[in-house]
N, C-alpha and C. Protein backbone atom coordinates (compact mmCIF):
# COMPACT_ATOMS: atom_id res chain seq x y z
N UNK A 1 8.78 5.79 -12.34
CA UNK A 1 7.86 4.87 -12.20
C UNK A 1 6.85 4.95 -13.06
N UNK A 2 6.41 3.85 -13.67
CA UNK A 2 5.44 3.58 -14.87
C UNK A 2 4.00 3.40 -13.74
N UNK A 3 2.87 3.98 -14.64
CA UNK A 3 1.95 3.99 -13.76
C UNK A 3 1.55 2.53 -14.08
N UNK A 4 0.79 1.64 -12.94
CA UNK A 4 0.05 0.17 -12.84
C UNK A 4 -1.23 0.03 -14.17
N UNK A 5 -1.14 -0.61 -14.82
CA UNK A 5 -2.23 -0.64 -15.76
C UNK A 5 -3.72 -0.45 -15.18
N UNK A 6 -4.31 0.59 -16.03
CA UNK A 6 -5.97 0.94 -15.40
C UNK A 6 -6.83 0.34 -16.29
N UNK A 7 -6.23 -0.08 -17.23
CA UNK A 7 -7.56 -0.53 -18.45
C UNK A 7 -8.25 -0.96 -17.96
N UNK A 8 -9.59 -0.67 -18.01
CA UNK A 8 -10.71 -1.96 -18.10
C UNK A 8 -11.25 -1.29 -16.41
N UNK A 9 -10.98 -0.83 -15.60
CA UNK A 9 -10.98 0.07 -14.72
C UNK A 9 -12.31 0.97 -14.24
N UNK A 10 -12.79 0.58 -12.97
CA UNK A 10 -14.13 2.08 -12.82
C UNK A 10 -12.91 3.41 -12.87
N UNK A 11 -13.80 4.67 -13.51
CA UNK A 11 -13.01 6.01 -12.87
C UNK A 11 -12.87 6.27 -11.31
N UNK A 12 -13.39 6.13 -10.75
CA UNK A 12 -12.92 5.44 -9.03
C UNK A 12 -11.54 4.79 -8.86
N UNK A 13 -11.57 3.64 -9.57
CA UNK A 13 -10.18 2.89 -9.40
C UNK A 13 -9.06 3.32 -10.37
N UNK A 14 -9.50 4.19 -11.26
CA UNK A 14 -8.19 4.55 -12.04
C UNK A 14 -7.66 6.23 -11.39
N UNK A 15 -8.64 6.78 -10.46
CA UNK A 15 -8.18 8.12 -9.95
C UNK A 15 -7.32 7.82 -8.55
N UNK A 16 -8.23 6.35 -8.03
CA UNK A 16 -6.75 6.08 -6.82
C UNK A 16 -5.65 5.32 -7.39
N UNK A 17 -5.30 4.88 -8.18
CA UNK A 17 -3.99 4.50 -9.00
C UNK A 17 -3.35 6.11 -9.10
N UNK A 18 -4.05 6.68 -9.82
CA UNK A 18 -3.44 8.10 -10.03
C UNK A 18 -3.05 8.69 -8.65
N UNK A 19 -3.55 8.77 -8.30
CA UNK A 19 -3.21 9.51 -6.39
C UNK A 19 -2.00 8.56 -6.18
N UNK A 20 -1.92 7.41 -6.16
CA UNK A 20 -0.74 6.45 -5.92
C UNK A 20 0.05 6.76 -6.59
N UNK A 21 0.03 6.82 -7.69
CA UNK A 21 1.22 7.22 -8.66
C UNK A 21 2.04 8.11 -8.46
N UNK A 22 1.08 9.29 -8.53
CA UNK A 22 1.49 10.79 -7.63
C UNK A 22 2.10 10.75 -6.85
N UNK A 23 1.72 10.18 -5.67
CA UNK A 23 2.37 10.13 -3.90
C UNK A 23 3.79 9.41 -4.39
N UNK A 24 4.13 8.58 -5.06
CA UNK A 24 5.13 7.69 -5.25
C UNK A 24 5.93 8.85 -6.08
N UNK A 25 5.61 9.14 -6.91
CA UNK A 25 6.70 10.22 -7.95
C UNK A 25 7.10 11.59 -7.51
N UNK A 26 5.78 12.02 -6.62
CA UNK A 26 6.32 13.41 -6.08
C UNK A 26 6.50 13.52 -4.83
N UNK A 27 6.98 12.91 -3.86
CA UNK A 27 7.43 12.60 -2.42
C UNK A 27 8.53 12.04 -2.47
N UNK A 28 9.69 13.10 -2.63
CA UNK A 28 11.42 11.79 -2.13
C UNK A 28 11.51 11.30 -0.91
N UNK A 29 11.75 10.17 -1.27
CA UNK A 29 12.06 9.13 -0.22
C UNK A 29 11.15 7.80 -0.37
N UNK A 30 10.28 7.89 -0.95
CA UNK A 30 9.35 7.12 -0.70
C UNK A 30 9.85 5.81 -1.71
N UNK A 31 9.95 5.15 -1.33
CA UNK A 31 10.28 3.65 -2.04
C UNK A 31 9.08 2.63 -2.49
N UNK A 32 8.16 2.59 -1.60
CA UNK A 32 6.94 1.82 -2.35
C UNK A 32 5.79 2.05 -1.52
N UNK A 33 4.57 1.67 -1.85
CA UNK A 33 3.06 2.16 -1.05
C UNK A 33 2.48 1.30 -1.12
N UNK A 34 1.74 0.38 -0.11
CA UNK A 34 0.55 -0.62 -0.37
C UNK A 34 -0.69 0.01 0.45
N UNK A 35 -1.55 -0.22 -0.19
CA UNK A 35 -3.01 -0.02 0.37
C UNK A 35 -3.73 -1.26 0.80
N UNK A 36 -4.17 -1.37 1.97
CA UNK A 36 -4.15 -2.54 2.70
C UNK A 36 -5.74 -2.67 3.20
N UNK A 37 -6.91 -3.51 2.67
CA UNK A 37 -7.83 -3.84 3.49
C UNK A 37 -8.11 -3.89 4.97
N UNK A 38 -8.75 -3.72 5.36
CA UNK A 38 -8.79 -4.35 6.79
C UNK A 38 -8.82 -5.51 7.17
N UNK A 39 -8.97 -6.81 6.05
CA UNK A 39 -8.45 -7.97 6.48
C UNK A 39 -7.46 -8.37 5.74
N UNK A 40 -6.72 -7.32 5.72
CA UNK A 40 -4.96 -7.90 5.44
C UNK A 40 -4.66 -7.88 3.80
N UNK A 41 -5.40 -7.72 2.89
CA UNK A 41 -5.40 -7.99 1.79
C UNK A 41 -4.73 -7.09 0.77
N UNK A 42 -3.96 -6.76 0.15
CA UNK A 42 -3.51 -6.00 -0.48
C UNK A 42 -4.40 -5.20 -1.92
N UNK A 43 -4.56 -4.05 -2.02
CA UNK A 43 -5.49 -3.76 -2.53
C UNK A 43 -5.14 -2.90 -3.69
N UNK A 44 -3.83 -2.10 -3.58
CA UNK A 44 -3.15 -1.28 -4.45
C UNK A 44 -1.90 -1.42 -4.22
N UNK A 45 -0.78 -1.27 -4.94
CA UNK A 45 0.56 -0.89 -4.61
C UNK A 45 1.17 -0.43 -6.02
N UNK A 46 2.57 -0.08 -5.37
CA UNK A 46 3.41 0.68 -6.35
C UNK A 46 4.58 -0.07 -6.51
N UNK A 47 4.68 -0.90 -6.37
CA UNK A 47 5.97 -1.91 -6.44
C UNK A 47 6.73 -1.55 -7.74
N UNK A 48 7.26 -0.19 -7.87
CA UNK A 48 7.85 0.58 -8.97
C UNK A 48 9.05 -0.19 -9.74
N UNK A 49 9.85 -0.98 -9.15
CA UNK A 49 10.69 -1.69 -10.15
C UNK A 49 10.11 -2.97 -10.47
N UNK A 50 9.28 -3.73 -9.78
CA UNK A 50 8.93 -4.98 -10.03
C UNK A 50 7.70 -5.57 -10.13
N UNK A 51 7.07 -4.73 -10.11
CA UNK A 51 5.26 -4.67 -10.35
C UNK A 51 4.74 -5.25 -11.43
N UNK A 52 5.41 -5.26 -12.81
CA UNK A 52 5.11 -6.26 -14.06
C UNK A 52 5.64 -7.14 -14.43
N UNK A 53 7.22 -7.41 -13.43
CA UNK A 53 7.75 -8.56 -13.70
C UNK A 53 7.43 -9.76 -13.26
N UNK A 54 7.70 -11.08 -13.81
CA UNK A 54 7.20 -11.96 -13.51
C UNK A 54 7.79 -12.25 -12.25
N UNK A 55 6.86 -13.36 -11.61
CA UNK A 55 7.11 -13.86 -10.23
C UNK A 55 8.76 -14.23 -9.95
N UNK A 56 8.96 -15.04 -10.74
CA UNK A 56 10.40 -15.63 -10.48
C UNK A 56 11.53 -14.59 -10.37
N UNK A 57 11.26 -13.39 -11.07
CA UNK A 57 12.01 -12.60 -11.72
C UNK A 57 12.23 -11.49 -10.30
N UNK A 58 11.49 -11.67 -9.65
CA UNK A 58 11.02 -10.34 -8.52
C UNK A 58 12.11 -11.21 -7.14
N UNK A 59 12.78 -9.78 -6.70
CA UNK A 59 13.50 -10.29 -5.30
C UNK A 59 12.84 -10.90 -4.10
N UNK A 60 13.20 -12.27 -3.61
CA UNK A 60 12.31 -12.16 -2.46
C UNK A 60 12.39 -11.31 -1.03
N UNK A 61 11.47 -11.33 -0.37
CA UNK A 61 11.52 -10.73 0.63
C UNK A 61 10.76 -9.49 0.73
N UNK A 62 10.79 -8.74 1.75
CA UNK A 62 10.08 -7.14 2.00
C UNK A 62 10.66 -6.22 1.03
N UNK A 63 11.79 -6.38 0.55
CA UNK A 63 12.53 -5.04 -0.36
C UNK A 63 11.54 -5.41 -1.83
N UNK A 64 10.98 -6.66 -2.23
CA UNK A 64 10.65 -6.90 -3.76
C UNK A 64 9.53 -7.42 -3.71
N UNK A 65 8.82 -7.40 -2.85
CA UNK A 65 6.87 -7.70 -2.78
C UNK A 65 6.28 -6.91 -2.12
N UNK A 66 5.19 -6.49 -2.97
CA UNK A 66 4.38 -5.41 -2.37
C UNK A 66 3.58 -6.90 -1.27
N UNK A 67 3.27 -8.08 -1.42
CA UNK A 67 2.23 -8.70 -0.77
C UNK A 67 3.18 -8.75 0.65
N UNK A 68 4.40 -8.42 0.58
CA UNK A 68 5.21 -8.40 1.76
C UNK A 68 5.29 -7.03 2.62
N UNK A 69 5.07 -6.56 1.56
CA UNK A 69 5.01 -4.55 2.48
C UNK A 69 3.45 -4.99 3.01
N UNK A 70 2.59 -5.61 2.46
CA UNK A 70 1.11 -5.62 2.66
C UNK A 70 0.92 -6.31 3.65
N UNK A 71 1.45 -7.45 3.93
CA UNK A 71 1.62 -7.93 5.29
C UNK A 71 1.97 -7.35 6.50
N UNK A 72 3.33 -6.85 6.41
CA UNK A 72 3.79 -5.59 7.58
C UNK A 72 3.02 -4.61 7.71
N UNK A 73 2.26 -4.10 6.96
CA UNK A 73 2.00 -3.21 7.01
C UNK A 73 0.40 -3.63 8.16
N UNK A 74 -0.27 -4.54 7.43
CA UNK A 74 -1.55 -4.79 8.46
C UNK A 74 -1.27 -5.69 9.99
N UNK A 75 0.09 -5.93 10.24
CA UNK A 75 0.48 -6.53 11.34
C UNK A 75 0.86 -5.29 11.92
N UNK A 76 1.22 -4.31 11.62
CA UNK A 76 1.52 -3.09 12.16
C UNK A 76 0.46 -2.23 12.81
N UNK A 77 -0.29 -2.19 11.51
CA UNK A 77 -1.86 -1.96 11.85
C UNK A 77 -2.60 -2.53 12.99
N UNK A 78 -2.47 -3.69 12.68
CA UNK A 78 -3.38 -4.49 14.16
C UNK A 78 -2.71 -4.74 15.30
N UNK A 79 -1.38 -4.59 15.36
CA UNK A 79 -0.70 -3.99 16.44
C UNK A 79 -0.85 -3.16 17.34
N UNK A 80 -1.04 -2.14 16.65
CA UNK A 80 -1.29 -0.79 16.93
C UNK A 80 -2.68 -0.50 17.62
N UNK A 81 -3.86 -0.64 16.68
CA UNK A 81 -5.33 -1.02 17.12
C UNK A 81 -5.23 -1.61 18.48
N UNK A 82 -4.56 -2.91 18.65
CA UNK A 82 -4.77 -3.79 20.01
C UNK A 82 -4.12 -2.91 21.04
N UNK A 83 -3.18 -2.08 20.82
CA UNK A 83 -2.14 -1.50 22.07
C UNK A 83 -3.36 0.09 22.38
N UNK A 84 -3.89 0.28 21.24
CA UNK A 84 -4.99 1.46 21.59
C UNK A 84 -5.76 0.97 22.43
N UNK A 85 -6.14 -0.28 22.04
CA UNK A 85 -7.76 -0.29 23.11
C UNK A 85 -7.17 -1.09 24.11
N UNK A 86 -6.06 -1.77 24.57
CA UNK A 86 -5.65 -2.10 25.71
C UNK A 86 -5.42 -0.97 26.68
N UNK A 87 -4.75 0.25 25.76
CA UNK A 87 -4.42 1.60 26.46
C UNK A 87 -5.65 2.11 26.90
N UNK A 88 -6.71 2.31 26.21
CA UNK A 88 -7.99 3.24 25.90
C UNK A 88 -7.65 4.33 25.53
N UNK A 89 -6.95 4.48 24.66
CA UNK A 89 -6.44 6.03 24.32
C UNK A 89 -7.09 6.17 22.76
N UNK A 90 -8.02 5.76 22.29
CA UNK A 90 -8.68 6.02 21.21
C UNK A 90 -8.26 5.07 20.11
N UNK A 91 -8.79 5.72 18.82
CA UNK A 91 -8.15 5.33 17.50
C UNK A 91 -6.96 5.52 17.16
N UNK A 92 -6.22 4.76 16.11
CA UNK A 92 -4.75 4.60 15.93
C UNK A 92 -5.15 5.52 14.33
N UNK A 93 -4.35 6.88 14.63
CA UNK A 93 -4.10 7.69 13.39
C UNK A 93 -3.11 7.39 12.70
N UNK A 94 -2.02 7.21 12.91
CA UNK A 94 -0.72 6.80 12.39
C UNK A 94 0.22 6.51 12.96
N UNK A 95 1.14 5.45 12.47
CA UNK A 95 2.35 4.76 13.10
C UNK A 95 3.64 5.20 12.40
N UNK A 96 4.67 5.41 12.81
CA UNK A 96 5.79 5.49 12.24
C UNK A 96 7.06 5.02 12.74
N UNK A 97 7.68 4.00 12.39
CA UNK A 97 8.89 3.35 12.62
C UNK A 97 9.69 3.71 11.75
N UNK A 98 11.08 3.87 12.53
CA UNK A 98 12.43 4.47 12.07
C UNK A 98 13.15 3.10 12.44
N UNK A 99 13.80 3.04 11.25
CA UNK A 99 14.98 2.27 11.20
C UNK A 99 16.22 2.42 10.95
N UNK A 100 17.31 1.82 10.70
CA UNK A 100 18.77 2.10 10.14
C UNK A 100 18.45 2.64 9.25
N UNK A 101 17.93 1.74 8.06
CA UNK A 101 17.86 1.96 6.93
C UNK A 101 17.01 2.20 6.13
N UNK A 102 15.98 2.89 6.80
CA UNK A 102 14.54 2.75 6.49
C UNK A 102 13.10 3.32 7.48
N UNK A 103 12.63 3.30 7.07
CA UNK A 103 11.58 3.85 7.46
C UNK A 103 9.73 3.10 7.04
N UNK A 104 8.67 2.57 8.11
CA UNK A 104 7.63 2.61 7.75
C UNK A 104 6.52 3.38 8.09
N UNK A 105 5.67 3.94 7.44
CA UNK A 105 4.60 4.23 7.89
C UNK A 105 3.19 3.56 7.68
N UNK A 106 2.59 3.87 8.96
CA UNK A 106 1.00 3.43 8.55
C UNK A 106 0.23 4.37 8.74
N UNK A 107 -0.92 4.43 8.12
CA UNK A 107 -2.16 5.42 8.30
C UNK A 107 -3.05 5.19 8.27
N UNK A 108 -4.29 5.16 9.14
CA UNK A 108 -5.51 4.67 8.83
C UNK A 108 -6.25 5.26 7.54
N UNK A 109 -6.99 4.41 6.45
CA UNK A 109 -7.81 5.09 5.45
C UNK A 109 -8.80 5.33 5.93
N UNK A 110 -9.94 4.50 5.98
CA UNK A 110 -11.16 4.37 6.37
C UNK A 110 -11.79 2.76 6.52
N UNK A 111 -12.67 2.65 7.05
CA UNK A 111 -13.38 1.31 7.45
C UNK A 111 -12.30 0.23 7.63
N UNK A 112 -11.03 0.62 8.48
CA UNK A 112 -9.81 -0.49 8.86
C UNK A 112 -8.97 -0.34 7.85
N UNK A 113 -8.63 0.22 6.71
CA UNK A 113 -8.18 0.03 5.54
C UNK A 113 -7.17 1.20 5.96
N UNK A 114 -5.75 0.68 5.45
CA UNK A 114 -4.57 1.35 5.68
C UNK A 114 -3.69 1.75 4.87
N UNK A 115 -3.23 2.74 4.83
CA UNK A 115 -1.91 3.12 3.73
C UNK A 115 -0.53 3.11 4.39
N UNK A 116 0.00 2.04 3.67
CA UNK A 116 1.55 1.56 4.42
C UNK A 116 2.39 2.47 3.25
N UNK A 117 3.68 3.09 3.69
CA UNK A 117 4.42 3.50 2.73
C UNK A 117 6.12 2.89 3.24
N UNK A 118 6.85 2.56 2.80
CA UNK A 118 8.21 2.17 2.90
C UNK A 118 9.10 3.26 2.47
N UNK A 119 9.64 3.90 3.33
CA UNK A 119 10.70 5.15 3.30
C UNK A 119 11.99 4.64 3.30
N UNK A 120 12.95 5.50 2.40
CA UNK A 120 14.52 5.20 2.38
C UNK A 120 14.86 6.10 3.70
N UNK A 121 15.89 5.63 4.05
CA UNK A 121 16.28 6.28 5.36
C UNK A 121 16.62 7.76 5.90
N UNK A 122 16.99 8.25 4.16
CA UNK A 122 17.07 9.68 4.77
C UNK A 122 16.17 10.67 4.12
N UNK A 123 14.93 9.75 4.09
CA UNK A 123 13.41 10.92 3.89
C UNK A 123 13.10 11.53 4.98
N UNK A 124 12.12 12.61 4.57
CA UNK A 124 11.99 13.30 5.53
C UNK A 124 10.63 13.20 6.11
N UNK A 125 10.31 12.71 7.63
CA UNK A 125 9.38 11.84 7.95
C UNK A 125 7.89 12.99 7.81
N UNK A 126 8.02 14.29 8.51
CA UNK A 126 7.06 14.75 8.16
C UNK A 126 6.66 15.20 6.92
N UNK A 127 7.50 15.35 5.83
CA UNK A 127 7.05 15.48 4.55
C UNK A 127 6.12 14.26 3.63
N UNK A 128 6.89 13.10 4.49
CA UNK A 128 6.22 11.81 3.96
C UNK A 128 4.70 11.84 4.64
N UNK A 129 4.47 11.98 6.34
CA UNK A 129 3.45 12.24 6.45
C UNK A 129 2.19 12.68 6.11
N UNK A 130 2.67 14.42 5.96
CA UNK A 130 1.86 14.99 5.40
C UNK A 130 1.14 14.65 3.98
N UNK A 131 1.98 14.10 2.93
CA UNK A 131 1.27 13.98 1.79
C UNK A 131 0.33 12.38 1.78
N UNK A 132 0.80 11.52 2.91
CA UNK A 132 0.12 10.53 3.26
C UNK A 132 -1.24 10.97 3.63
N UNK A 133 -0.97 11.95 4.70
CA UNK A 133 -2.27 12.47 5.02
C UNK A 133 -3.24 13.25 3.92
N UNK A 134 -2.62 13.93 3.04
CA UNK A 134 -3.42 14.28 1.72
C UNK A 134 -3.93 13.14 0.64
N UNK A 135 -3.33 12.26 0.90
CA UNK A 135 -3.75 10.93 0.00
C UNK A 135 -4.74 10.09 0.70
N UNK A 136 -4.85 9.98 2.17
CA UNK A 136 -5.95 9.87 2.68
C UNK A 136 -7.11 10.49 3.03
N UNK A 137 -6.69 11.59 2.80
CA UNK A 137 -8.10 12.85 2.98
C UNK A 137 -8.77 12.37 1.34
N UNK A 138 -7.95 12.22 0.63
CA UNK A 138 -8.25 12.29 -0.96
C UNK A 138 -8.86 11.00 -1.24
N UNK A 139 -8.45 10.18 -0.71
CA UNK A 139 -9.21 8.47 -1.07
C UNK A 139 -9.92 7.91 -0.14
N UNK A 140 -10.09 8.53 1.00
CA UNK A 140 -10.88 8.07 1.64
C UNK A 140 -12.28 8.20 1.62
N UNK A 141 -12.59 8.63 0.96
CA UNK A 141 -14.38 8.52 0.62
C UNK A 141 -14.72 7.72 -0.15
N UNK A 142 -13.64 7.90 -1.52
CA UNK A 142 -13.70 6.94 -2.46
C UNK A 142 -13.70 5.38 -2.30
N UNK A 143 -12.92 5.36 -1.17
CA UNK A 143 -12.63 3.54 -0.68
C UNK A 143 -14.07 3.00 -0.31
N UNK A 144 -14.77 2.38 -1.51
CA UNK A 144 -16.03 1.85 -0.91
C UNK A 144 -15.77 0.65 -1.05
N UNK A 145 -16.95 -0.29 -0.53
CA UNK A 145 -17.02 -1.50 -0.80
C UNK A 145 -16.67 -1.93 -1.88
N UNK A 146 -17.64 -1.56 -2.91
CA UNK A 146 -17.25 -1.82 -4.25
C UNK A 146 -15.98 -1.74 -5.03
N UNK A 147 -15.20 -0.40 -4.55
CA UNK A 147 -14.31 -0.03 -5.14
C UNK A 147 -13.11 -0.78 -4.27
N UNK A 148 -13.47 -1.45 -3.23
CA UNK A 148 -12.50 -2.57 -2.61
C UNK A 148 -12.30 -3.98 -3.52
N UNK A 149 -13.23 -4.26 -3.83
CA UNK A 149 -13.75 -5.33 -4.51
C UNK A 149 -12.79 -5.29 -5.62
N UNK A 150 -13.26 -3.82 -6.16
CA UNK A 150 -12.79 -3.72 -7.76
C UNK A 150 -11.36 -3.85 -7.84
N UNK A 151 -10.61 -3.55 -6.56
CA UNK A 151 -9.06 -3.44 -6.88
C UNK A 151 -8.60 -4.77 -6.31
N UNK A 152 -8.99 -5.29 -5.64
CA UNK A 152 -8.88 -6.97 -5.35
C UNK A 152 -8.90 -7.93 -6.33
N UNK A 153 -9.97 -7.81 -7.12
CA UNK A 153 -10.24 -8.68 -8.66
C UNK A 153 -9.09 -8.13 -9.46
N UNK A 154 -9.21 -7.13 -9.66
CA UNK A 154 -7.58 -6.44 -10.24
C UNK A 154 -6.78 -6.98 -10.19
N UNK A 155 -5.93 -7.05 -8.97
CA UNK A 155 -4.64 -7.51 -8.35
C UNK A 155 -5.00 -9.20 -8.40
N UNK A 156 -5.82 -9.73 -8.51
CA UNK A 156 -6.14 -11.32 -8.50
C UNK A 156 -5.71 -11.23 -10.03
N UNK A 157 -6.33 -10.84 -10.61
CA UNK A 157 -6.29 -11.02 -12.46
C UNK A 157 -4.80 -10.95 -12.70
N UNK A 158 -4.01 -9.86 -12.21
CA UNK A 158 -2.53 -9.35 -12.78
C UNK A 158 -2.11 -10.55 -12.04
N UNK A 159 -1.95 -10.98 -10.72
CA UNK A 159 -1.25 -12.38 -10.24
C UNK A 159 -1.57 -13.47 -11.49
N UNK A 160 -2.58 -13.68 -11.73
CA UNK A 160 -2.93 -14.98 -12.55
C UNK A 160 -2.16 -14.90 -13.68
N UNK A 161 -1.98 -13.38 -14.49
CA UNK A 161 -1.62 -13.31 -15.53
C UNK A 161 -0.21 -13.65 -15.67
N UNK A 162 0.67 -13.35 -14.27
CA UNK A 162 2.14 -13.06 -14.57
C UNK A 162 2.67 -14.60 -13.66
N UNK A 163 1.68 -15.56 -13.20
CA UNK A 163 2.27 -16.43 -12.67
C UNK A 163 2.34 -17.72 -13.64
N UNK A 164 3.73 -18.61 -13.17
CA UNK A 164 4.65 -19.22 -14.24
C UNK A 164 3.87 -20.14 -15.25
N UNK A 165 3.90 -20.70 -16.08
CA UNK A 165 2.80 -21.73 -16.99
C UNK A 165 2.72 -22.83 -16.01
N UNK A 166 1.51 -23.59 -16.11
CA UNK A 166 1.33 -24.87 -15.40
C UNK A 166 0.95 -24.52 -13.75
N UNK A 167 0.74 -23.20 -13.89
CA UNK A 167 -0.05 -22.72 -12.19
C UNK A 167 1.09 -23.15 -11.38
N UNK A 168 2.48 -23.42 -11.04
CA UNK A 168 2.90 -23.28 -10.36
C UNK A 168 3.79 -22.36 -9.66
N UNK A 169 3.73 -22.58 -8.66
CA UNK A 169 4.73 -20.56 -8.06
C UNK A 169 5.76 -20.80 -7.73
């Protein structure tokens, strides 16, 4: 995987990018990762195969879109928070969904932000969860409102650069 472009970002944003890249590269079975804000907006992702590809060349659907992973992560996060409130069981720490051909992991970071990981079917769920917890521990204190705003702005600028000429999507 090539590291996402961090040119022009603050040191805190570059460090968060490095942590995310390290998570994907070091943990076997992780296919993609998304950091999502409390309002469901993608802040940071590791779409390794297609991150820099023009929009029209990216595969459609959840397998090829960081935004799709962010949407699923946000939805699962919201659903589990609602379930925890309904059942009066306290805050949600993490959620794991094992499917026939892959896994989805969602973990709270801070202030409602979430870390979502799409894992391969043969990934070791305990290893993925352990490394996610390390990421959350390292990134949680750094994910300030200012940093979230900077990351979101950076993603929006990147989307504008990769949009086809004429503004059509």
